[in-house]
PDB file of all heavy atoms in Angstrom:
ATOM      1  N   GLY A   1       0.982 -15.940 -11.368  1.00  0.00           N
ATOM      2  CA  GLY A   1       0.972 -15.199 -10.117  1.00  0.00           C
ATOM      3  C   GLY A   1       0.538 -13.722 -10.292  1.00  0.00           C
ATOM      4  O   GLY A   1      -0.086 -13.225  -9.354  1.00  0.00           O
ATOM      5  N   PHE A   2       0.844 -13.145 -11.383  1.00  0.00           N
ATOM      6  CA  PHE A   2       0.471 -11.717 -11.519  1.00  0.00           C
ATOM      7  C   PHE A   2      -1.033 -11.539 -11.635  1.00  0.00           C
ATOM      8  O   PHE A   2      -1.590 -10.524 -11.119  1.00  0.00           O
ATOM      9  CB  PHE A   2       1.175 -11.107 -12.742  1.00  0.00           C
ATOM     10  CG  PHE A   2       0.693 -11.483 -14.096  1.00  0.00           C
ATOM     11  CD1 PHE A   2      -0.431 -10.846 -14.655  1.00  0.00           C
ATOM     12  CD2 PHE A   2       1.283 -12.545 -14.770  1.00  0.00           C
ATOM     13  CE1 PHE A   2      -0.893 -11.252 -15.976  1.00  0.00           C
ATOM     14  CE2 PHE A   2       0.809 -12.979 -15.988  1.00  0.00           C
ATOM     15  CZ  PHE A   2      -0.253 -12.267 -16.607  1.00  0.00           C
ATOM     16  N   LEU A   3      -1.730 -12.516 -12.150  1.00  0.00           N
ATOM     17  CA  LEU A   3      -3.172 -12.478 -12.094  1.00  0.00           C
ATOM     18  C   LEU A   3      -3.741 -12.724 -10.709  1.00  0.00           C
ATOM     19  O   LEU A   3      -4.747 -11.987 -10.279  1.00  0.00           O
ATOM     20  CB  LEU A   3      -3.785 -13.495 -13.089  1.00  0.00           C
ATOM     21  CG  LEU A   3      -3.790 -13.254 -14.587  1.00  0.00           C
ATOM     22  CD1 LEU A   3      -4.387 -14.332 -15.375  1.00  0.00           C
ATOM     23  CD2 LEU A   3      -4.463 -11.900 -14.865  1.00  0.00           C
ATOM     24  N   GLN A   4      -3.184 -13.568  -9.974  1.00  0.00           N
ATOM     25  CA  GLN A   4      -3.582 -13.847  -8.598  1.00  0.00           C
ATOM     26  C   GLN A   4      -3.357 -12.602  -7.773  1.00  0.00           C
ATOM     27  O   GLN A   4      -4.153 -12.150  -6.956  1.00  0.00           O
ATOM     28  CB  GLN A   4      -2.844 -15.013  -8.009  1.00  0.00           C
ATOM     29  CG  GLN A   4      -2.951 -16.265  -8.769  1.00  0.00           C
ATOM     30  CD  GLN A   4      -1.984 -17.371  -8.298  1.00  0.00           C
ATOM     31  OE1 GLN A   4      -1.911 -17.711  -7.137  1.00  0.00           O
ATOM     32  NE2 GLN A   4      -1.143 -17.904  -9.219  1.00  0.00           N
ATOM     33  N   HIS A   5      -2.188 -11.897  -7.991  1.00  0.00           N
ATOM     34  CA  HIS A   5      -1.957 -10.698  -7.287  1.00  0.00           C
ATOM     35  C   HIS A   5      -2.906  -9.579  -7.531  1.00  0.00           C
ATOM     36  O   HIS A   5      -3.393  -8.885  -6.683  1.00  0.00           O
ATOM     37  CB  HIS A   5      -0.495 -10.282  -7.641  1.00  0.00           C
ATOM     38  CG  HIS A   5      -0.090  -9.022  -6.835  1.00  0.00           C
ATOM     39  ND1 HIS A   5      -0.099  -7.783  -7.385  1.00  0.00           N
ATOM     40  CD2 HIS A   5       0.353  -8.850  -5.577  1.00  0.00           C
ATOM     41  CE1 HIS A   5       0.364  -6.877  -6.520  1.00  0.00           C
ATOM     42  NE2 HIS A   5       0.608  -7.521  -5.436  1.00  0.00           N
ATOM     43  N   ALA A   6      -3.334  -9.481  -8.845  1.00  0.00           N
ATOM     44  CA  ALA A   6      -4.320  -8.560  -9.204  1.00  0.00           C
ATOM     45  C   ALA A   6      -5.634  -8.788  -8.448  1.00  0.00           C
ATOM     46  O   ALA A   6      -6.353  -7.852  -7.955  1.00  0.00           O
ATOM     47  CB  ALA A   6      -4.589  -8.576 -10.669  1.00  0.00           C
ATOM     48  N   GLY A   7      -5.990 -10.070  -8.335  1.00  0.00           N
ATOM     49  CA  GLY A   7      -7.130 -10.442  -7.523  1.00  0.00           C
ATOM     50  C   GLY A   7      -7.051 -10.131  -6.012  1.00  0.00           C
ATOM     51  O   GLY A   7      -7.979  -9.645  -5.436  1.00  0.00           O
ATOM     52  N   PHE A   8      -5.865 -10.388  -5.440  1.00  0.00           N
ATOM     53  CA  PHE A   8      -5.621 -10.005  -4.065  1.00  0.00           C
ATOM     54  C   PHE A   8      -5.815  -8.480  -3.845  1.00  0.00           C
ATOM     55  O   PHE A   8      -6.599  -8.103  -2.985  1.00  0.00           O
ATOM     56  CB  PHE A   8      -4.259 -10.340  -3.670  1.00  0.00           C
ATOM     57  CG  PHE A   8      -3.893 -11.824  -3.772  1.00  0.00           C
ATOM     58  CD1 PHE A   8      -2.594 -12.252  -3.890  1.00  0.00           C
ATOM     59  CD2 PHE A   8      -4.883 -12.788  -3.570  1.00  0.00           C
ATOM     60  CE1 PHE A   8      -2.221 -13.568  -4.022  1.00  0.00           C
ATOM     61  CE2 PHE A   8      -4.522 -14.153  -3.664  1.00  0.00           C
ATOM     62  CZ  PHE A   8      -3.233 -14.495  -3.900  1.00  0.00           C
ATOM     63  N   MET A   9      -5.293  -7.719  -4.745  1.00  0.00           N
ATOM     64  CA  MET A   9      -5.378  -6.283  -4.602  1.00  0.00           C
ATOM     65  C   MET A   9      -6.788  -5.792  -4.839  1.00  0.00           C
ATOM     66  O   MET A   9      -7.260  -4.850  -4.157  1.00  0.00           O
ATOM     67  CB  MET A   9      -4.382  -5.572  -5.632  1.00  0.00           C
ATOM     68  CG  MET A   9      -2.981  -5.986  -5.481  1.00  0.00           C
ATOM     69  SD  MET A   9      -2.240  -5.296  -3.967  1.00  0.00           S
ATOM     70  CE  MET A   9      -2.058  -3.536  -4.342  1.00  0.00           C
ATOM     71  N   ALA A  10      -7.536  -6.435  -5.670  1.00  0.00           N
ATOM     72  CA  ALA A  10      -8.925  -5.947  -6.033  1.00  0.00           C
ATOM     73  C   ALA A  10      -9.810  -6.283  -4.823  1.00  0.00           C
ATOM     74  O   ALA A  10     -10.921  -5.656  -4.791  1.00  0.00           O
ATOM     75  CB  ALA A  10      -9.348  -6.697  -7.280  1.00  0.00           C
ATOM     76  N   MET A  11      -9.498  -7.139  -3.985  1.00  0.00           N
ATOM     77  CA  MET A  11     -10.432  -7.476  -2.830  1.00  0.00           C
ATOM     78  C   MET A  11     -10.464  -6.301  -1.833  1.00  0.00           C
ATOM     79  O   MET A  11     -11.478  -6.106  -1.212  1.00  0.00           O
ATOM     80  CB  MET A  11      -9.904  -8.676  -2.112  1.00  0.00           C
ATOM     81  CG  MET A  11     -10.086  -9.981  -2.916  1.00  0.00           C
ATOM     82  SD  MET A  11      -9.476 -11.498  -1.978  1.00  0.00           S
ATOM     83  CE  MET A  11     -10.573 -11.575  -0.675  1.00  0.00           C
ATOM     84  N   ASN A  12      -9.316  -5.592  -1.718  1.00  0.00           N
ATOM     85  CA  ASN A  12      -9.337  -4.377  -0.747  1.00  0.00           C
ATOM     86  C   ASN A  12      -8.558  -3.253  -1.459  1.00  0.00           C
ATOM     87  O   ASN A  12      -7.489  -2.855  -0.856  1.00  0.00           O
ATOM     88  CB  ASN A  12      -8.711  -4.751   0.543  1.00  0.00           C
ATOM     89  CG  ASN A  12      -9.551  -5.760   1.377  1.00  0.00           C
ATOM     90  OD1 ASN A  12     -10.617  -5.347   1.864  1.00  0.00           O
ATOM     91  ND2 ASN A  12      -9.093  -7.018   1.378  1.00  0.00           N
ATOM     92  N   PRO A  13      -8.959  -2.678  -2.506  1.00  0.00           N
ATOM     93  CA  PRO A  13      -8.232  -1.696  -3.170  1.00  0.00           C
ATOM     94  C   PRO A  13      -8.021  -0.441  -2.407  1.00  0.00           C
ATOM     95  O   PRO A  13      -6.855   0.224  -2.328  1.00  0.00           O
ATOM     96  CB  PRO A  13      -8.981  -1.363  -4.457  1.00  0.00           C
ATOM     97  CG  PRO A  13     -10.407  -1.811  -4.167  1.00  0.00           C
ATOM     98  CD  PRO A  13     -10.230  -2.935  -3.222  1.00  0.00           C
ATOM     99  N   GLU A  14      -8.976  -0.037  -1.607  1.00  0.00           N
ATOM    100  CA  GLU A  14      -8.864   1.204  -0.750  1.00  0.00           C
ATOM    101  C   GLU A  14      -7.758   1.075   0.300  1.00  0.00           C
ATOM    102  O   GLU A  14      -6.980   2.002   0.546  1.00  0.00           O
ATOM    103  CB  GLU A  14     -10.210   1.589  -0.151  1.00  0.00           C
ATOM    104  CG  GLU A  14     -11.346   1.870  -1.133  1.00  0.00           C
ATOM    105  CD  GLU A  14     -12.054   0.630  -1.596  1.00  0.00           C
ATOM    106  OE1 GLU A  14     -11.683  -0.413  -1.178  1.00  0.00           O
ATOM    107  OE2 GLU A  14     -13.021   0.792  -2.377  1.00  0.00           O
ATOM    108  N   ARG A  15      -7.789  -0.137   0.933  1.00  0.00           N
ATOM    109  CA  ARG A  15      -6.793  -0.383   1.958  1.00  0.00           C
ATOM    110  C   ARG A  15      -5.414  -0.336   1.345  1.00  0.00           C
ATOM    111  O   ARG A  15      -4.534   0.291   2.049  1.00  0.00           O
ATOM    112  CB  ARG A  15      -7.064  -1.737   2.630  1.00  0.00           C
ATOM    113  CG  ARG A  15      -6.132  -1.991   3.800  1.00  0.00           C
ATOM    114  CD  ARG A  15      -6.610  -3.260   4.547  1.00  0.00           C
ATOM    115  NE  ARG A  15      -6.529  -4.388   3.790  1.00  0.00           N
ATOM    116  CZ  ARG A  15      -5.445  -5.241   3.649  1.00  0.00           C
ATOM    117  NH1 ARG A  15      -4.319  -4.815   4.169  1.00  0.00           N
ATOM    118  NH2 ARG A  15      -5.538  -6.310   2.952  1.00  0.00           N
ATOM    119  N   HIS A  16      -5.176  -0.911   0.211  1.00  0.00           N
ATOM    120  CA  HIS A  16      -3.855  -0.847  -0.320  1.00  0.00           C
ATOM    121  C   HIS A  16      -3.471   0.531  -0.767  1.00  0.00           C
ATOM    122  O   HIS A  16      -2.263   0.933  -0.628  1.00  0.00           O
ATOM    123  CB  HIS A  16      -3.704  -1.879  -1.538  1.00  0.00           C
ATOM    124  CG  HIS A  16      -3.847  -3.297  -1.132  1.00  0.00           C
ATOM    125  ND1 HIS A  16      -2.865  -3.948  -0.350  1.00  0.00           N
ATOM    126  CD2 HIS A  16      -4.849  -4.225  -1.349  1.00  0.00           C
ATOM    127  CE1 HIS A  16      -3.289  -5.169  -0.124  1.00  0.00           C
ATOM    128  NE2 HIS A  16      -4.429  -5.419  -0.736  1.00  0.00           N
ATOM    129  N   PHE A  17      -4.411   1.316  -1.335  1.00  0.00           N
ATOM    130  CA  PHE A  17      -4.114   2.663  -1.734  1.00  0.00           C
ATOM    131  C   PHE A  17      -3.674   3.490  -0.528  1.00  0.00           C
ATOM    132  O   PHE A  17      -2.603   4.194  -0.589  1.00  0.00           O
ATOM    133  CB  PHE A  17      -5.263   3.292  -2.420  1.00  0.00           C
ATOM    134  CG  PHE A  17      -5.049   4.750  -2.728  1.00  0.00           C
ATOM    135  CD1 PHE A  17      -4.463   5.140  -3.893  1.00  0.00           C
ATOM    136  CD2 PHE A  17      -5.615   5.748  -1.841  1.00  0.00           C
ATOM    137  CE1 PHE A  17      -4.276   6.466  -4.194  1.00  0.00           C
ATOM    138  CE2 PHE A  17      -5.345   7.048  -2.143  1.00  0.00           C
ATOM    139  CZ  PHE A  17      -4.708   7.434  -3.259  1.00  0.00           C
ATOM    140  N   MET A  18      -4.417   3.345   0.624  1.00  0.00           N
ATOM    141  CA  MET A  18      -4.082   4.166   1.724  1.00  0.00           C
ATOM    142  C   MET A  18      -2.717   3.648   2.327  1.00  0.00           C
ATOM    143  O   MET A  18      -1.992   4.453   2.866  1.00  0.00           O
ATOM    144  CB  MET A  18      -5.220   4.000   2.833  1.00  0.00           C
ATOM    145  CG  MET A  18      -6.484   4.766   2.390  1.00  0.00           C
ATOM    146  SD  MET A  18      -6.242   6.502   1.993  1.00  0.00           S
ATOM    147  CE  MET A  18      -5.484   7.146   3.443  1.00  0.00           C
ATOM    148  N   SER A  19      -2.495   2.403   2.241  1.00  0.00           N
ATOM    149  CA  SER A  19      -1.209   1.913   2.790  1.00  0.00           C
ATOM    150  C   SER A  19      -0.012   2.521   2.049  1.00  0.00           C
ATOM    151  O   SER A  19       1.013   2.935   2.698  1.00  0.00           O
ATOM    152  CB  SER A  19      -1.184   0.396   2.699  1.00  0.00           C
ATOM    153  OG  SER A  19       0.012  -0.113   3.229  1.00  0.00           O
ATOM    154  N   HIS A  20      -0.115   2.606   0.750  1.00  0.00           N
ATOM    155  CA  HIS A  20       0.910   3.250  -0.086  1.00  0.00           C
ATOM    156  C   HIS A  20       1.053   4.789   0.197  1.00  0.00           C
ATOM    157  O   HIS A  20       2.131   5.313   0.203  1.00  0.00           O
ATOM    158  CB  HIS A  20       0.712   2.926  -1.578  1.00  0.00           C
ATOM    159  CG  HIS A  20       1.003   1.496  -1.886  1.00  0.00           C
ATOM    160  ND1 HIS A  20       0.214   0.476  -1.674  1.00  0.00           N
ATOM    161  CD2 HIS A  20       2.177   1.056  -2.493  1.00  0.00           C
ATOM    162  CE1 HIS A  20       0.790  -0.678  -2.128  1.00  0.00           C
ATOM    163  NE2 HIS A  20       1.981  -0.362  -2.671  1.00  0.00           N
ATOM    164  N   TRP A  21      -0.098   5.399   0.308  1.00  0.00           N
ATOM    165  CA  TRP A  21      -0.097   6.821   0.604  1.00  0.00           C
ATOM    166  C   TRP A  21       0.534   7.046   2.034  1.00  0.00           C
ATOM    167  O   TRP A  21       1.344   7.988   2.143  1.00  0.00           O
ATOM    168  CB  TRP A  21      -1.482   7.324   0.589  1.00  0.00           C
ATOM    169  CG  TRP A  21      -1.638   8.731   1.002  1.00  0.00           C
ATOM    170  CD1 TRP A  21      -2.307   9.333   2.103  1.00  0.00           C
ATOM    171  CD2 TRP A  21      -1.082   9.881   0.380  1.00  0.00           C
ATOM    172  NE1 TRP A  21      -2.226  10.587   2.155  1.00  0.00           N
ATOM    173  CE2 TRP A  21      -1.475  11.100   1.132  1.00  0.00           C
ATOM    174  CE3 TRP A  21      -0.237  10.097  -0.734  1.00  0.00           C
ATOM    175  CZ2 TRP A  21      -1.020  12.361   0.848  1.00  0.00           C
ATOM    176  CZ3 TRP A  21       0.143  11.360  -1.040  1.00  0.00           C
ATOM    177  CH2 TRP A  21      -0.263  12.502  -0.356  1.00  0.00           C
ATOM    178  N   ASP A  22       0.226   6.220   2.958  1.00  0.00           N
ATOM    179  CA  ASP A  22       0.783   6.388   4.295  1.00  0.00           C
ATOM    180  C   ASP A  22       2.354   6.104   4.210  1.00  0.00           C
ATOM    181  O   ASP A  22       3.143   6.748   4.917  1.00  0.00           O
ATOM    182  CB  ASP A  22       0.180   5.424   5.283  1.00  0.00           C
ATOM    183  CG  ASP A  22      -1.215   5.807   5.669  1.00  0.00           C
ATOM    184  OD1 ASP A  22      -1.506   6.995   5.450  1.00  0.00           O
ATOM    185  OD2 ASP A  22      -1.909   4.916   6.186  1.00  0.00           O
ATOM    186  N   PHE A  23       2.781   5.142   3.376  1.00  0.00           N
ATOM    187  CA  PHE A  23       4.188   4.839   3.184  1.00  0.00           C
ATOM    188  C   PHE A  23       4.881   6.168   2.645  1.00  0.00           C
ATOM    189  O   PHE A  23       5.950   6.521   3.182  1.00  0.00           O
ATOM    190  CB  PHE A  23       4.359   3.709   2.242  1.00  0.00           C
ATOM    191  CG  PHE A  23       5.736   3.362   1.801  1.00  0.00           C
ATOM    192  CD1 PHE A  23       6.655   2.977   2.732  1.00  0.00           C
ATOM    193  CD2 PHE A  23       6.212   3.591   0.501  1.00  0.00           C
ATOM    194  CE1 PHE A  23       7.952   2.711   2.376  1.00  0.00           C
ATOM    195  CE2 PHE A  23       7.502   3.324   0.076  1.00  0.00           C
ATOM    196  CZ  PHE A  23       8.370   2.873   1.063  1.00  0.00           C
ATOM    197  N   TYR A  24       4.291   6.805   1.616  1.00  0.00           N
ATOM    198  CA  TYR A  24       4.897   8.002   1.156  1.00  0.00           C
ATOM    199  C   TYR A  24       5.020   9.116   2.238  1.00  0.00           C
ATOM    200  O   TYR A  24       6.067   9.732   2.418  1.00  0.00           O
ATOM    201  CB  TYR A  24       4.001   8.523  -0.057  1.00  0.00           C
ATOM    202  CG  TYR A  24       4.405   9.904  -0.492  1.00  0.00           C
ATOM    203  CD1 TYR A  24       5.405  10.128  -1.335  1.00  0.00           C
ATOM    204  CD2 TYR A  24       3.654  10.980  -0.099  1.00  0.00           C
ATOM    205  CE1 TYR A  24       5.748  11.391  -1.817  1.00  0.00           C
ATOM    206  CE2 TYR A  24       3.978  12.319  -0.483  1.00  0.00           C
ATOM    207  CZ  TYR A  24       5.040  12.498  -1.364  1.00  0.00           C
ATOM    208  OH  TYR A  24       5.379  13.730  -1.804  1.00  0.00           O
ATOM    209  N   ARG A  25       3.906   9.322   2.956  1.00  0.00           N
ATOM    210  CA  ARG A  25       4.008  10.302   4.017  1.00  0.00           C
ATOM    211  C   ARG A  25       4.953   9.961   5.124  1.00  0.00           C
ATOM    212  O   ARG A  25       5.649  10.944   5.622  1.00  0.00           O
ATOM    213  CB  ARG A  25       2.559  10.504   4.620  1.00  0.00           C
ATOM    214  CG  ARG A  25       1.523  11.055   3.606  1.00  0.00           C
ATOM    215  CD  ARG A  25       0.363  11.559   4.338  1.00  0.00           C
ATOM    216  NE  ARG A  25      -0.315  10.512   5.120  1.00  0.00           N
ATOM    217  CZ  ARG A  25      -1.344  10.701   5.920  1.00  0.00           C
ATOM    218  NH1 ARG A  25      -1.853  11.903   6.095  1.00  0.00           N
ATOM    219  NH2 ARG A  25      -1.898   9.681   6.580  1.00  0.00           N
ATOM    220  N   ASN A  26       5.123   8.695   5.482  1.00  0.00           N
ATOM    221  CA  ASN A  26       6.104   8.288   6.518  1.00  0.00           C
ATOM    222  C   ASN A  26       7.495   8.576   5.986  1.00  0.00           C
ATOM    223  O   ASN A  26       8.422   9.002   6.766  1.00  0.00           O
ATOM    224  CB  ASN A  26       5.947   6.886   6.823  1.00  0.00           C
ATOM    225  CG  ASN A  26       4.693   6.525   7.640  1.00  0.00           C
ATOM    226  OD1 ASN A  26       4.216   7.448   8.367  1.00  0.00           O
ATOM    227  ND2 ASN A  26       4.170   5.335   7.523  1.00  0.00           N
ATOM    228  N   LEU A  27       7.778   8.313   4.675  1.00  0.00           N
ATOM    229  CA  LEU A  27       9.121   8.637   4.170  1.00  0.00           C
ATOM    230  C   LEU A  27       9.446  10.126   4.189  1.00  0.00           C
ATOM    231  O   LEU A  27      10.501  10.646   4.591  1.00  0.00           O
ATOM    232  CB  LEU A  27       9.256   8.150   2.699  1.00  0.00           C
ATOM    233  CG  LEU A  27       9.298   6.630   2.465  1.00  0.00           C
ATOM    234  CD1 LEU A  27       9.195   6.312   1.028  1.00  0.00           C
ATOM    235  CD2 LEU A  27      10.542   6.066   3.135  1.00  0.00           C
ATOM    236  N   VAL A  28       8.365  10.972   3.825  1.00  0.00           N
ATOM    237  CA  VAL A  28       8.537  12.403   3.856  1.00  0.00           C
ATOM    238  C   VAL A  28       8.831  12.858   5.260  1.00  0.00           C
ATOM    239  O   VAL A  28       9.738  13.766   5.557  1.00  0.00           O
ATOM    240  CB  VAL A  28       7.382  13.112   3.229  1.00  0.00           C
ATOM    241  CG1 VAL A  28       7.442  14.603   3.430  1.00  0.00           C
ATOM    242  CG2 VAL A  28       7.239  12.765   1.812  1.00  0.00           C
ATOM    243  N   LYS A  29       8.162  12.325   6.228  1.00  0.00           N
ATOM    244  CA  LYS A  29       8.238  12.743   7.599  1.00  0.00           C
ATOM    245  C   LYS A  29       9.517  12.200   8.271  1.00  0.00           C
ATOM    246  O   LYS A  29       9.853  12.620   9.317  1.00  0.00           O
ATOM    247  CB  LYS A  29       7.012  12.262   8.432  1.00  0.00           C
ATOM    248  CG  LYS A  29       5.743  12.958   8.129  1.00  0.00           C
ATOM    249  CD  LYS A  29       4.609  12.604   9.038  1.00  0.00           C
ATOM    250  CE  LYS A  29       4.417  11.115   9.003  1.00  0.00           C
ATOM    251  NZ  LYS A  29       3.180  10.795   9.830  1.00  0.00           N
ATOM    252  N   GLY A  30      10.111  11.131   7.700  1.00  0.00           N
ATOM    253  CA  GLY A  30      11.256  10.530   8.283  1.00  0.00           C
ATOM    254  C   GLY A  30      10.922   9.435   9.268  1.00  0.00           C
ATOM    255  O   GLY A  30      11.713   9.035  10.164  1.00  0.00           O
ATOM    256  N   ASP A  31       9.620   8.941   9.294  1.00  0.00           N
ATOM    257  CA  ASP A  31       9.231   7.907  10.182  1.00  0.00           C
ATOM    258  C   ASP A  31       9.678   6.554   9.530  1.00  0.00           C
ATOM    259  O   ASP A  31       8.888   5.836   8.838  1.00  0.00           O
ATOM    260  CB  ASP A  31       7.697   7.866  10.276  1.00  0.00           C
ATOM    261  CG  ASP A  31       7.175   7.012  11.371  1.00  0.00           C
ATOM    262  OD1 ASP A  31       7.963   6.078  11.799  1.00  0.00           O
ATOM    263  OD2 ASP A  31       6.056   7.098  11.757  1.00  0.00           O
ATOM    264  N   LEU A  32      10.978   6.122   9.701  1.00  0.00           N
ATOM    265  CA  LEU A  32      11.557   5.025   9.068  1.00  0.00           C
ATOM    266  C   LEU A  32      11.096   3.725   9.569  1.00  0.00           C
ATOM    267  O   LEU A  32      11.071   2.727   8.847  1.00  0.00           O
ATOM    268  CB  LEU A  32      13.073   5.190   9.171  1.00  0.00           C
ATOM    269  CG  LEU A  32      13.626   6.474   8.622  1.00  0.00           C
ATOM    270  CD1 LEU A  32      15.186   6.456   8.691  1.00  0.00           C
ATOM    271  CD2 LEU A  32      13.197   6.679   7.185  1.00  0.00           C
ATOM    272  N   ASP A  33      10.696   3.621  10.862  1.00  0.00           N
ATOM    273  CA  ASP A  33      10.169   2.408  11.359  1.00  0.00           C
ATOM    274  C   ASP A  33       8.897   1.906  10.749  1.00  0.00           C
ATOM    275  O   ASP A  33       8.745   0.804  10.241  1.00  0.00           O
ATOM    276  CB  ASP A  33      10.015   2.418  12.893  1.00  0.00           C
ATOM    277  CG  ASP A  33      11.282   2.561  13.686  1.00  0.00           C
ATOM    278  OD1 ASP A  33      12.286   2.226  13.072  1.00  0.00           O
ATOM    279  OD2 ASP A  33      11.270   3.111  14.800  1.00  0.00           O
ATOM    280  N   ASP A  34       7.904   2.841  10.565  1.00  0.00           N
ATOM    281  CA  ASP A  34       6.657   2.471   9.918  1.00  0.00           C
ATOM    282  C   ASP A  34       6.888   2.195   8.433  1.00  0.00           C
ATOM    283  O   ASP A  34       6.301   1.314   7.847  1.00  0.00           O
ATOM    284  CB  ASP A  34       5.641   3.592  10.023  1.00  0.00           C
ATOM    285  CG  ASP A  34       5.001   3.660  11.417  1.00  0.00           C
ATOM    286  OD1 ASP A  34       5.234   2.698  12.154  1.00  0.00           O
ATOM    287  OD2 ASP A  34       4.355   4.598  11.757  1.00  0.00           O
TER     288      ASP A  34
END
């Protein structure tokens, strides 16, 4: 599964990076729903 997951992530690395960055910013801002 971990190899499959690496493949999933590699298909759209920019989207996953931005999703995690947005998650960090939402936590800092207190946007708990997002």
